[in-house]
Amino acid sequence: MSRLRTSTGNRVAAARVITGVGAVFAVIEALYILMILLGANAANGFFQLVKSVAEPLALFFPGLFTLDSHEIGVLINYGLAAVFWLVVTGLLARLIAR
C-alpha cells in the first residue's frame, strides 16, 4: 500500500513541476509581449535577456501571422506560443498524474 501512495505522490509532484515549467515559459512570453507593447528600450540588457529567452520558446509561432502592425503581430504570435505552453504542459501533467 505504501508503494502505491509513494508512486502516486511522485506522479503528482512531477505533474506539478511540469505545470510550473509551462507557467514559467508562458510568463516569459507574456513579459516579452508586454515589453514590446509598452515600448521598452530594445538596447536595454534586460530586454535583450527576455528576448533571447522568449524567441526560442516561441518555437514556430513567430511569423505564423504577418500583420501590418508589428505590435499586434507580436501579441498574436507570442501569445499563441504562451497558450501552447500552458496547454501542452497541462495535458502532459494530466497524463503523468494518472
PDB file of N, CA and C in Angstrom:
ATOM      1  N   MET A   1       0.804  -1.194   0.000  1.00  0.00           N
ATOM      2  CA  MET A   1       0.000   0.000   0.000  1.00  0.00           C
ATOM      3  C   MET A   1       0.852   1.265   0.000  1.00  0.00           C
ATOM      4  N   SER A   2       1.912   1.273   0.785  1.00  0.00           N
ATOM      5  CA  SER A   2       2.728   2.480   0.858  1.00  0.00           C
ATOM      6  C   SER A   2       3.427   2.749  -0.473  1.00  0.00           C
ATOM      7  N   ARG A   3       3.744   1.694  -1.214  1.00  0.00           N
ATOM      8  CA  ARG A   3       4.370   1.902  -2.521  1.00  0.00           C
ATOM      9  C   ARG A   3       3.428   2.633  -3.464  1.00  0.00           C
ATOM     10  N   LEU A   4       2.169   2.259  -3.430  1.00  0.00           N
ATOM     11  CA  LEU A   4       1.191   2.894  -4.293  1.00  0.00           C
ATOM     12  C   LEU A   4       1.048   4.370  -3.954  1.00  0.00           C
ATOM     13  N   ARG A   5       1.017   4.677  -2.689  1.00  0.00           N
ATOM     14  CA  ARG A   5       0.886   6.075  -2.279  1.00  0.00           C
ATOM     15  C   ARG A   5       2.129   6.867  -2.666  1.00  0.00           C
ATOM     16  N   THR A   6       3.281   6.288  -2.486  1.00  0.00           N
ATOM     17  CA  THR A   6       4.524   6.977  -2.843  1.00  0.00           C
ATOM     18  C   THR A   6       4.601   7.196  -4.339  1.00  0.00           C
ATOM     19  N   SER A   7       4.231   6.183  -5.096  1.00  0.00           N
ATOM     20  CA  SER A   7       4.250   6.307  -6.545  1.00  0.00           C
ATOM     21  C   SER A   7       3.279   7.388  -7.009  1.00  0.00           C
ATOM     22  N   THR A   8       2.086   7.406  -6.443  1.00  0.00           N
ATOM     23  CA  THR A   8       1.103   8.422  -6.788  1.00  0.00           C
ATOM     24  C   THR A   8       1.598   9.803  -6.379  1.00  0.00           C
ATOM     25  N   GLY A   9       2.217   9.889  -5.216  1.00  0.00           N
ATOM     26  CA  GLY A   9       2.759  11.169  -4.764  1.00  0.00           C
ATOM     27  C   GLY A   9       3.852  11.681  -5.668  1.00  0.00           C
ATOM     28  N   ASN A  10       4.707  10.780  -6.156  1.00  0.00           N
ATOM     29  CA  ASN A  10       5.763  11.177  -7.080  1.00  0.00           C
ATOM     30  C   ASN A  10       5.177  11.657  -8.403  1.00  0.00           C
ATOM     31  N   ARG A  11       4.138  10.980  -8.850  1.00  0.00           N
ATOM     32  CA  ARG A  11       3.499  11.386 -10.109  1.00  0.00           C
ATOM     33  C   ARG A  11       2.870  12.765  -9.985  1.00  0.00           C
ATOM     34  N   VAL A  12       2.210  12.999  -8.875  1.00  0.00           N
ATOM     35  CA  VAL A  12       1.588  14.304  -8.663  1.00  0.00           C
ATOM     36  C   VAL A  12       2.655  15.389  -8.572  1.00  0.00           C
ATOM     37  N   ALA A  13       3.744  15.098  -7.897  1.00  0.00           N
ATOM     38  CA  ALA A  13       4.847  16.069  -7.793  1.00  0.00           C
ATOM     39  C   ALA A  13       5.445  16.359  -9.164  1.00  0.00           C
ATOM     40  N   ALA A  14       5.629  15.323  -9.966  1.00  0.00           N
ATOM     41  CA  ALA A  14       6.161  15.512 -11.312  1.00  0.00           C
ATOM     42  C   ALA A  14       5.197  16.333 -12.166  1.00  0.00           C
ATOM     43  N   ALA A  15       3.909  16.071 -12.014  1.00  0.00           N
ATOM     44  CA  ALA A  15       2.905  16.830 -12.766  1.00  0.00           C
ATOM     45  C   ALA A  15       2.932  18.304 -12.367  1.00  0.00           C
ATOM     46  N   ARG A  16       3.123  18.572 -11.086  1.00  0.00           N
ATOM     47  CA  ARG A  16       3.203  19.966 -10.635  1.00  0.00           C
ATOM     48  C   ARG A  16       4.435  20.667 -11.184  1.00  0.00           C
ATOM     49  N   VAL A  17       5.550  19.961 -11.235  1.00  0.00           N
ATOM     50  CA  VAL A  17       6.774  20.551 -11.787  1.00  0.00           C
ATOM     51  C   VAL A  17       6.576  20.880 -13.265  1.00  0.00           C
ATOM     52  N   ILE A  18       5.975  19.950 -14.002  1.00  0.00           N
ATOM     53  CA  ILE A  18       5.744  20.178 -15.435  1.00  0.00           C
ATOM     54  C   ILE A  18       4.802  21.359 -15.640  1.00  0.00           C
ATOM     55  N   THR A  19       3.752  21.431 -14.843  1.00  0.00           N
ATOM     56  CA  THR A  19       2.827  22.560 -14.940  1.00  0.00           C
ATOM     57  C   THR A  19       3.542  23.870 -14.612  1.00  0.00           C
ATOM     58  N   GLY A  20       4.412  23.841 -13.619  1.00  0.00           N
ATOM     59  CA  GLY A  20       5.173  25.035 -13.246  1.00  0.00           C
ATOM     60  C   GLY A  20       6.112  25.490 -14.345  1.00  0.00           C
ATOM     61  N   VAL A  21       6.765  24.546 -14.995  1.00  0.00           N
ATOM     62  CA  VAL A  21       7.662  24.889 -16.099  1.00  0.00           C
ATOM     63  C   VAL A  21       6.871  25.544 -17.231  1.00  0.00           C
ATOM     64  N   GLY A  22       5.716  24.988 -17.550  1.00  0.00           N
ATOM     65  CA  GLY A  22       4.869  25.577 -18.583  1.00  0.00           C
ATOM     66  C   GLY A  22       4.425  26.977 -18.217  1.00  0.00           C
ATOM     67  N   ALA A  23       4.112  27.192 -16.948  1.00  0.00           N
ATOM     68  CA  ALA A  23       3.703  28.514 -16.487  1.00  0.00           C
ATOM     69  C   ALA A  23       4.853  29.513 -16.593  1.00  0.00           C
ATOM     70  N   VAL A  24       6.050  29.087 -16.247  1.00  0.00           N
ATOM     71  CA  VAL A  24       7.225  29.970 -16.362  1.00  0.00           C
ATOM     72  C   VAL A  24       7.459  30.346 -17.820  1.00  0.00           C
ATOM     73  N   PHE A  25       7.358  29.364 -18.720  1.00  0.00           N
ATOM     74  CA  PHE A  25       7.529  29.649 -20.146  1.00  0.00           C
ATOM     75  C   PHE A  25       6.480  30.652 -20.627  1.00  0.00           C
ATOM     76  N   ALA A  26       5.236  30.477 -20.196  1.00  0.00           N
ATOM     77  CA  ALA A  26       4.166  31.387 -20.599  1.00  0.00           C
ATOM     78  C   ALA A  26       4.385  32.789 -20.038  1.00  0.00           C
ATOM     79  N   VAL A  27       4.894  32.884 -18.817  1.00  0.00           N
ATOM     80  CA  VAL A  27       5.165  34.191 -18.213  1.00  0.00           C
ATOM     81  C   VAL A  27       6.286  34.904 -18.972  1.00  0.00           C
ATOM     82  N   ILE A  28       7.284  34.171 -19.399  1.00  0.00           N
ATOM     83  CA  ILE A  28       8.367  34.777 -20.182  1.00  0.00           C
ATOM     84  C   ILE A  28       7.816  35.337 -21.489  1.00  0.00           C
ATOM     85  N   GLU A  29       6.956  34.572 -22.151  1.00  0.00           N
ATOM     86  CA  GLU A  29       6.334  35.049 -23.393  1.00  0.00           C
ATOM     87  C   GLU A  29       5.480  36.285 -23.121  1.00  0.00           C
ATOM     88  N   ALA A  30       4.705  36.259 -22.040  1.00  0.00           N
ATOM     89  CA  ALA A  30       3.851  37.394 -21.701  1.00  0.00           C
ATOM     90  C   ALA A  30       4.678  38.628 -21.359  1.00  0.00           C
ATOM     91  N   LEU A  31       5.789  38.437 -20.677  1.00  0.00           N
ATOM     92  CA  LEU A  31       6.670  39.558 -20.348  1.00  0.00           C
ATOM     93  C   LEU A  31       7.241  40.185 -21.616  1.00  0.00           C
ATOM     94  N   TYR A  32       7.638  39.350 -22.554  1.00  0.00           N
ATOM     95  CA  TYR A  32       8.158  39.873 -23.823  1.00  0.00           C
ATOM     96  C   TYR A  32       7.073  40.657 -24.562  1.00  0.00           C
ATOM     97  N   ILE A  33       5.864  40.128 -24.583  1.00  0.00           N
ATOM     98  CA  ILE A  33       4.751  40.824 -25.235  1.00  0.00           C
ATOM     99  C   ILE A  33       4.535  42.184 -24.584  1.00  0.00           C
ATOM    100  N   LEU A  34       4.495  42.217 -23.262  1.00  0.00           N
ATOM    101  CA  LEU A  34       4.292  43.486 -22.560  1.00  0.00           C
ATOM    102  C   LEU A  34       5.403  44.486 -22.847  1.00  0.00           C
ATOM    103  N   MET A  35       6.624  44.006 -22.884  1.00  0.00           N
ATOM    104  CA  MET A  35       7.739  44.911 -23.141  1.00  0.00           C
ATOM    105  C   MET A  35       7.639  45.508 -24.547  1.00  0.00           C
ATOM    106  N   ILE A  36       7.221  44.708 -25.516  1.00  0.00           N
ATOM    107  CA  ILE A  36       7.049  45.217 -26.876  1.00  0.00           C
ATOM    108  C   ILE A  36       5.893  46.211 -26.923  1.00  0.00           C
ATOM    109  N   LEU A  37       4.761  45.855 -26.326  1.00  0.00           N
ATOM    110  CA  LEU A  37       3.582  46.719 -26.380  1.00  0.00           C
ATOM    111  C   LEU A  37       3.791  48.034 -25.648  1.00  0.00           C
ATOM    112  N   LEU A  38       4.570  48.011 -24.582  1.00  0.00           N
ATOM    113  CA  LEU A  38       4.810  49.229 -23.809  1.00  0.00           C
ATOM    114  C   LEU A  38       6.003  50.028 -24.319  1.00  0.00           C
ATOM    115  N   GLY A  39       6.658  49.530 -25.360  1.00  0.00           N
ATOM    116  CA  GLY A  39       7.746  50.275 -25.987  1.00  0.00           C
ATOM    117  C   GLY A  39       9.039  50.274 -25.197  1.00  0.00           C
ATOM    118  N   ALA A  40       9.423  49.143 -24.674  1.00  0.00           N
ATOM    119  CA  ALA A  40      10.667  49.051 -23.912  1.00  0.00           C
ATOM    120  C   ALA A  40      11.866  49.363 -24.814  1.00  0.00           C
ATOM    121  N   ASN A  41      12.913  49.851 -24.205  1.00  0.00           N
ATOM    122  CA  ASN A  41      14.141  50.179 -24.919  1.00  0.00           C
ATOM    123  C   ASN A  41      14.802  48.883 -25.387  1.00  0.00           C
ATOM    124  N   ALA A  42      14.897  48.699 -26.695  1.00  0.00           N
ATOM    125  CA  ALA A  42      15.440  47.463 -27.262  1.00  0.00           C
ATOM    126  C   ALA A  42      16.930  47.299 -26.991  1.00  0.00           C
ATOM    127  N   ALA A  43      17.612  48.355 -26.627  1.00  0.00           N
ATOM    128  CA  ALA A  43      19.043  48.273 -26.342  1.00  0.00           C
ATOM    129  C   ALA A  43      19.317  47.902 -24.885  1.00  0.00           C
ATOM    130  N   ASN A  44      18.285  47.862 -24.063  1.00  0.00           N
ATOM    131  CA  ASN A  44      18.438  47.540 -22.647  1.00  0.00           C
ATOM    132  C   ASN A  44      18.832  46.083 -22.469  1.00  0.00           C
ATOM    133  N   GLY A  45      19.687  45.822 -21.507  1.00  0.00           N
ATOM    134  CA  GLY A  45      20.170  44.470 -21.258  1.00  0.00           C
ATOM    135  C   GLY A  45      19.078  43.507 -20.821  1.00  0.00           C
ATOM    136  N   PHE A  46      18.166  43.987 -19.955  1.00  0.00           N
ATOM    137  CA  PHE A  46      17.080  43.125 -19.506  1.00  0.00           C
ATOM    138  C   PHE A  46      16.165  42.762 -20.664  1.00  0.00           C
ATOM    139  N   PHE A  47      15.876  43.740 -21.517  1.00  0.00           N
ATOM    140  CA  PHE A  47      15.047  43.467 -22.696  1.00  0.00           C
ATOM    141  C   PHE A  47      15.726  42.423 -23.582  1.00  0.00           C
ATOM    142  N   GLN A  48      17.020  42.556 -23.789  1.00  0.00           N
ATOM    143  CA  GLN A  48      17.764  41.602 -24.612  1.00  0.00           C
ATOM    144  C   GLN A  48      17.737  40.208 -24.002  1.00  0.00           C
ATOM    145  N   LEU A  49      17.836  40.125 -22.676  1.00  0.00           N
ATOM    146  CA  LEU A  49      17.776  38.840 -21.994  1.00  0.00           C
ATOM    147  C   LEU A  49      16.409  38.176 -22.198  1.00  0.00           C
ATOM    148  N   VAL A  50      15.343  38.938 -21.963  1.00  0.00           N
ATOM    149  CA  VAL A  50      13.989  38.398 -22.131  1.00  0.00           C
ATOM    150  C   VAL A  50      13.768  37.990 -23.588  1.00  0.00           C
ATOM    151  N   LYS A  51      14.216  38.802 -24.510  1.00  0.00           N
ATOM    152  CA  LYS A  51      14.056  38.490 -25.935  1.00  0.00           C
ATOM    153  C   LYS A  51      14.824  37.219 -26.304  1.00  0.00           C
ATOM    154  N   SER A  52      16.043  37.080 -25.776  1.00  0.00           N
ATOM    155  CA  SER A  52      16.858  35.905 -26.114  1.00  0.00           C
ATOM    156  C   SER A  52      16.265  34.616 -25.553  1.00  0.00           C
ATOM    157  N   VAL A  53      15.473  34.712 -24.501  1.00  0.00           N
ATOM    158  CA  VAL A  53      14.818  33.534 -23.946  1.00  0.00           C
ATOM    159  C   VAL A  53      13.458  33.311 -24.617  1.00  0.00           C
ATOM    160  N   ALA A  54      12.733  34.383 -24.885  1.00  0.00           N
ATOM    161  CA  ALA A  54      11.378  34.279 -25.437  1.00  0.00           C
ATOM    162  C   ALA A  54      11.368  33.773 -26.880  1.00  0.00           C
ATOM    163  N   GLU A  55      12.332  34.186 -27.671  1.00  0.00           N
ATOM    164  CA  GLU A  55      12.317  33.794 -29.084  1.00  0.00           C
ATOM    165  C   GLU A  55      12.447  32.288 -29.295  1.00  0.00           C
ATOM    166  N   PRO A  56      13.383  31.593 -28.651  1.00  0.00           N
ATOM    167  CA  PRO A  56      13.429  30.137 -28.839  1.00  0.00           C
ATOM    168  C   PRO A  56      12.201  29.422 -28.256  1.00  0.00           C
ATOM    169  N   LEU A  57      11.647  29.965 -27.186  1.00  0.00           N
ATOM    170  CA  LEU A  57      10.472  29.346 -26.583  1.00  0.00           C
ATOM    171  C   LEU A  57       9.232  29.506 -27.454  1.00  0.00           C
ATOM    172  N   ALA A  58       9.248  30.467 -28.353  1.00  0.00           N
ATOM    173  CA  ALA A  58       8.097  30.700 -29.218  1.00  0.00           C
ATOM    174  C   ALA A  58       7.999  29.661 -30.330  1.00  0.00           C
ATOM    175  N   LEU A  59       9.039  28.850 -30.491  1.00  0.00           N
ATOM    176  CA  LEU A  59       9.066  27.760 -31.467  1.00  0.00           C
ATOM    177  C   LEU A  59       8.754  28.258 -32.871  1.00  0.00           C
ATOM    178  N   PHE A  60       7.705  27.762 -33.467  1.00  0.00           N
ATOM    179  CA  PHE A  60       7.362  28.085 -34.850  1.00  0.00           C
ATOM    180  C   PHE A  60       6.309  29.190 -34.943  1.00  0.00           C
ATOM    181  N   PHE A  61       5.904  29.783 -33.835  1.00  0.00           N
ATOM    182  CA  PHE A  61       4.820  30.762 -33.852  1.00  0.00           C
ATOM    183  C   PHE A  61       5.200  32.125 -34.424  1.00  0.00           C
ATOM    184  N   PRO A  62       6.402  32.658 -34.192  1.00  0.00           N
ATOM    185  CA  PRO A  62       6.725  33.953 -34.810  1.00  0.00           C
ATOM    186  C   PRO A  62       6.682  33.839 -36.326  1.00  0.00           C
ATOM    187  N   GLY A  63       5.966  34.753 -36.929  1.00  0.00           N
ATOM    188  CA  GLY A  63       5.816  34.739 -38.374  1.00  0.00           C
ATOM    189  C   GLY A  63       4.634  33.911 -38.850  1.00  0.00           C
ATOM    190  N   LEU A  64       3.924  33.293 -37.936  1.00  0.00           N
ATOM    191  CA  LEU A  64       2.758  32.498 -38.315  1.00  0.00           C
ATOM    192  C   LEU A  64       1.691  33.404 -38.922  1.00  0.00           C
ATOM    193  N   PHE A  65       1.468  34.539 -38.295  1.00  0.00           N
ATOM    194  CA  PHE A  65       0.551  35.541 -38.825  1.00  0.00           C
ATOM    195  C   PHE A  65       1.355  36.804 -39.100  1.00  0.00           C
ATOM    196  N   THR A  66       1.342  37.264 -40.324  1.00  0.00           N
ATOM    197  CA  THR A  66       2.022  38.511 -40.665  1.00  0.00           C
ATOM    198  C   THR A  66       0.970  39.608 -40.754  1.00  0.00           C
ATOM    199  N   LEU A  67       1.136  40.599 -39.915  1.00  0.00           N
ATOM    200  CA  LEU A  67       0.179  41.697 -39.854  1.00  0.00           C
ATOM    201  C   LEU A  67       0.902  43.011 -40.134  1.00  0.00           C
ATOM    202  N   ASP A  68       0.133  44.034 -40.453  1.00  0.00           N
ATOM    203  CA  ASP A  68       0.728  45.341 -40.721  1.00  0.00           C
ATOM    204  C   ASP A  68       1.364  45.936 -39.467  1.00  0.00           C
ATOM    205  N   SER A  69       0.752  45.723 -38.328  1.00  0.00           N
ATOM    206  CA  SER A  69       1.264  46.257 -37.076  1.00  0.00           C
ATOM    207  C   SER A  69       2.196  45.236 -36.413  1.00  0.00           C
ATOM    208  N   HIS A  70       3.427  45.657 -36.163  1.00  0.00           N
ATOM    209  CA  HIS A  70       4.399  44.773 -35.516  1.00  0.00           C
ATOM    210  C   HIS A  70       3.931  44.383 -34.118  1.00  0.00           C
ATOM    211  N   GLU A  71       3.376  45.347 -33.384  1.00  0.00           N
ATOM    212  CA  GLU A  71       2.941  45.083 -32.012  1.00  0.00           C
ATOM    213  C   GLU A  71       1.825  44.046 -31.963  1.00  0.00           C
ATOM    214  N   ILE A  72       0.858  44.159 -32.852  1.00  0.00           N
ATOM    215  CA  ILE A  72      -0.249  43.200 -32.878  1.00  0.00           C
ATOM    216  C   ILE A  72       0.260  41.833 -33.321  1.00  0.00           C
ATOM    217  N   GLY A  73       1.208  41.807 -34.248  1.00  0.00           N
ATOM    218  CA  GLY A  73       1.806  40.544 -34.667  1.00  0.00           C
ATOM    219  C   GLY A  73       2.516  39.843 -33.522  1.00  0.00           C
ATOM    220  N   VAL A  74       3.255  40.600 -32.728  1.00  0.00           N
ATOM    221  CA  VAL A  74       3.937  40.028 -31.565  1.00  0.00           C
ATOM    222  C   VAL A  74       2.904  39.537 -30.562  1.00  0.00           C
ATOM    223  N   LEU A  75       1.870  40.318 -30.340  1.00  0.00           N
ATOM    224  CA  LEU A  75       0.828  39.925 -29.392  1.00  0.00           C
ATOM    225  C   LEU A  75       0.193  38.596 -29.799  1.00  0.00           C
ATOM    226  N   ILE A  76      -0.167  38.456 -31.046  1.00  0.00           N
ATOM    227  CA  ILE A  76      -0.836  37.234 -31.506  1.00  0.00           C
ATOM    228  C   ILE A  76       0.133  36.056 -31.547  1.00  0.00           C
ATOM    229  N   ASN A  77       1.271  36.223 -32.186  1.00  0.00           N
ATOM    230  CA  ASN A  77       2.203  35.109 -32.370  1.00  0.00           C
ATOM    231  C   ASN A  77       2.806  34.617 -31.052  1.00  0.00           C
ATOM    232  N   TYR A  78       3.279  35.524 -30.238  1.00  0.00           N
ATOM    233  CA  TYR A  78       3.877  35.120 -28.968  1.00  0.00           C
ATOM    234  C   TYR A  78       2.802  34.753 -27.948  1.00  0.00           C
ATOM    235  N   GLY A  79       1.620  35.356 -28.074  1.00  0.00           N
ATOM    236  CA  GLY A  79       0.504  34.958 -27.227  1.00  0.00           C
ATOM    237  C   GLY A  79       0.083  33.527 -27.510  1.00  0.00           C
ATOM    238  N   LEU A  80       0.073  33.144 -28.773  1.00  0.00           N
ATOM    239  CA  LEU A  80      -0.223  31.754 -29.131  1.00  0.00           C
ATOM    240  C   LEU A  80       0.827  30.805 -28.562  1.00  0.00           C
ATOM    241  N   ALA A  81       2.071  31.235 -28.573  1.00  0.00           N
ATOM    242  CA  ALA A  81       3.135  30.401 -28.002  1.00  0.00           C
ATOM    243  C   ALA A  81       2.923  30.214 -26.500  1.00  0.00           C
ATOM    244  N   ALA A  82       2.513  31.273 -25.805  1.00  0.00           N
ATOM    245  CA  ALA A  82       2.256  31.167 -24.371  1.00  0.00           C
ATOM    246  C   ALA A  82       1.102  30.203 -24.098  1.00  0.00           C
ATOM    247  N   VAL A  83       0.040  30.320 -24.870  1.00  0.00           N
ATOM    248  CA  VAL A  83      -1.102  29.417 -24.707  1.00  0.00           C
ATOM    249  C   VAL A  83      -0.686  27.985 -25.031  1.00  0.00           C
ATOM    250  N   PHE A  84       0.131  27.819 -26.057  1.00  0.00           N
ATOM    251  CA  PHE A  84       0.627  26.498 -26.429  1.00  0.00           C
ATOM    252  C   PHE A  84       1.343  25.837 -25.260  1.00  0.00           C
ATOM    253  N   TRP A  85       2.243  26.581 -24.612  1.00  0.00           N
ATOM    254  CA  TRP A  85       2.987  26.006 -23.491  1.00  0.00           C
ATOM    255  C   TRP A  85       2.069  25.638 -22.335  1.00  0.00           C
ATOM    256  N   LEU A  86       1.068  26.462 -22.063  1.00  0.00           N
ATOM    257  CA  LEU A  86       0.140  26.153 -20.984  1.00  0.00           C
ATOM    258  C   LEU A  86      -0.682  24.904 -21.292  1.00  0.00           C
ATOM    259  N   VAL A  87      -1.152  24.797 -22.521  1.00  0.00           N
ATOM    260  CA  VAL A  87      -1.984  23.651 -22.898  1.00  0.00           C
ATOM    261  C   VAL A  87      -1.161  22.366 -22.950  1.00  0.00           C
ATOM    262  N   VAL A  88      -0.013  22.408 -23.609  1.00  0.00           N
ATOM    263  CA  VAL A  88       0.794  21.191 -23.761  1.00  0.00           C
ATOM    264  C   VAL A  88       1.302  20.688 -22.419  1.00  0.00           C
ATOM    265  N   THR A  89       1.815  21.567 -21.596  1.00  0.00           N
ATOM    266  CA  THR A  89       2.309  21.108 -20.301  1.00  0.00           C
ATOM    267  C   THR A  89       1.163  20.684 -19.388  1.00  0.00           C
ATOM    268  N   GLY A  90       0.009  21.321 -19.524  1.00  0.00           N
ATOM    269  CA  GLY A  90      -1.155  20.892 -18.752  1.00  0.00           C
ATOM    270  C   GLY A  90      -1.605  19.499 -19.138  1.00  0.00           C
ATOM    271  N   LEU A  91      -1.650  19.218 -20.446  1.00  0.00           N
ATOM    272  CA  LEU A  91      -2.018  17.879 -20.905  1.00  0.00           C
ATOM    273  C   LEU A  91      -0.989  16.848 -20.486  1.00  0.00           C
ATOM    274  N   LEU A  92       0.276  17.182 -20.611  1.00  0.00           N
ATOM    275  CA  LEU A  92       1.347  16.275 -20.214  1.00  0.00           C
ATOM    276  C   LEU A  92       1.279  15.987 -18.706  1.00  0.00           C
ATOM    277  N   ALA A  93       1.022  17.001 -17.919  1.00  0.00           N
ATOM    278  CA  ALA A  93       0.917  16.834 -16.470  1.00  0.00           C
ATOM    279  C   ALA A  93      -0.263  15.934 -16.122  1.00  0.00           C
ATOM    280  N   ARG A  94      -1.365  16.089 -16.831  1.00  0.00           N
ATOM    281  CA  ARG A  94      -2.518  15.210 -16.584  1.00  0.00           C
ATOM    282  C   ARG A  94      -2.206  13.765 -16.889  1.00  0.00           C
ATOM    283  N   LEU A  95      -1.508  13.541 -17.993  1.00  0.00           N
ATOM    284  CA  LEU A  95      -1.141  12.163 -18.348  1.00  0.00           C
ATOM    285  C   LEU A  95      -0.228  11.551 -17.294  1.00  0.00           C
ATOM    286  N   ILE A  96       0.702  12.319 -16.801  1.00  0.00           N
ATOM    287  CA  ILE A  96       1.653  11.795 -15.820  1.00  0.00           C
ATOM    288  C   ILE A  96       0.976  11.561 -14.475  1.00  0.00           C
ATOM    289  N   ALA A  97       0.038  12.425 -14.110  1.00  0.00           N
ATOM    290  CA  ALA A  97      -0.624  12.310 -12.809  1.00  0.00           C
ATOM    291  C   ALA A  97      -1.539  11.093 -12.718  1.00  0.00           C
ATOM    292  N   ARG A  98      -1.945  10.538 -13.841  1.00  0.00           N
ATOM    293  CA  ARG A  98      -2.842   9.362 -13.829  1.00  0.00           C
ATOM    294  C   ARG A  98      -2.211   8.186 -13.214  1.00  0.00           C
TER     295      ARG A  98
END
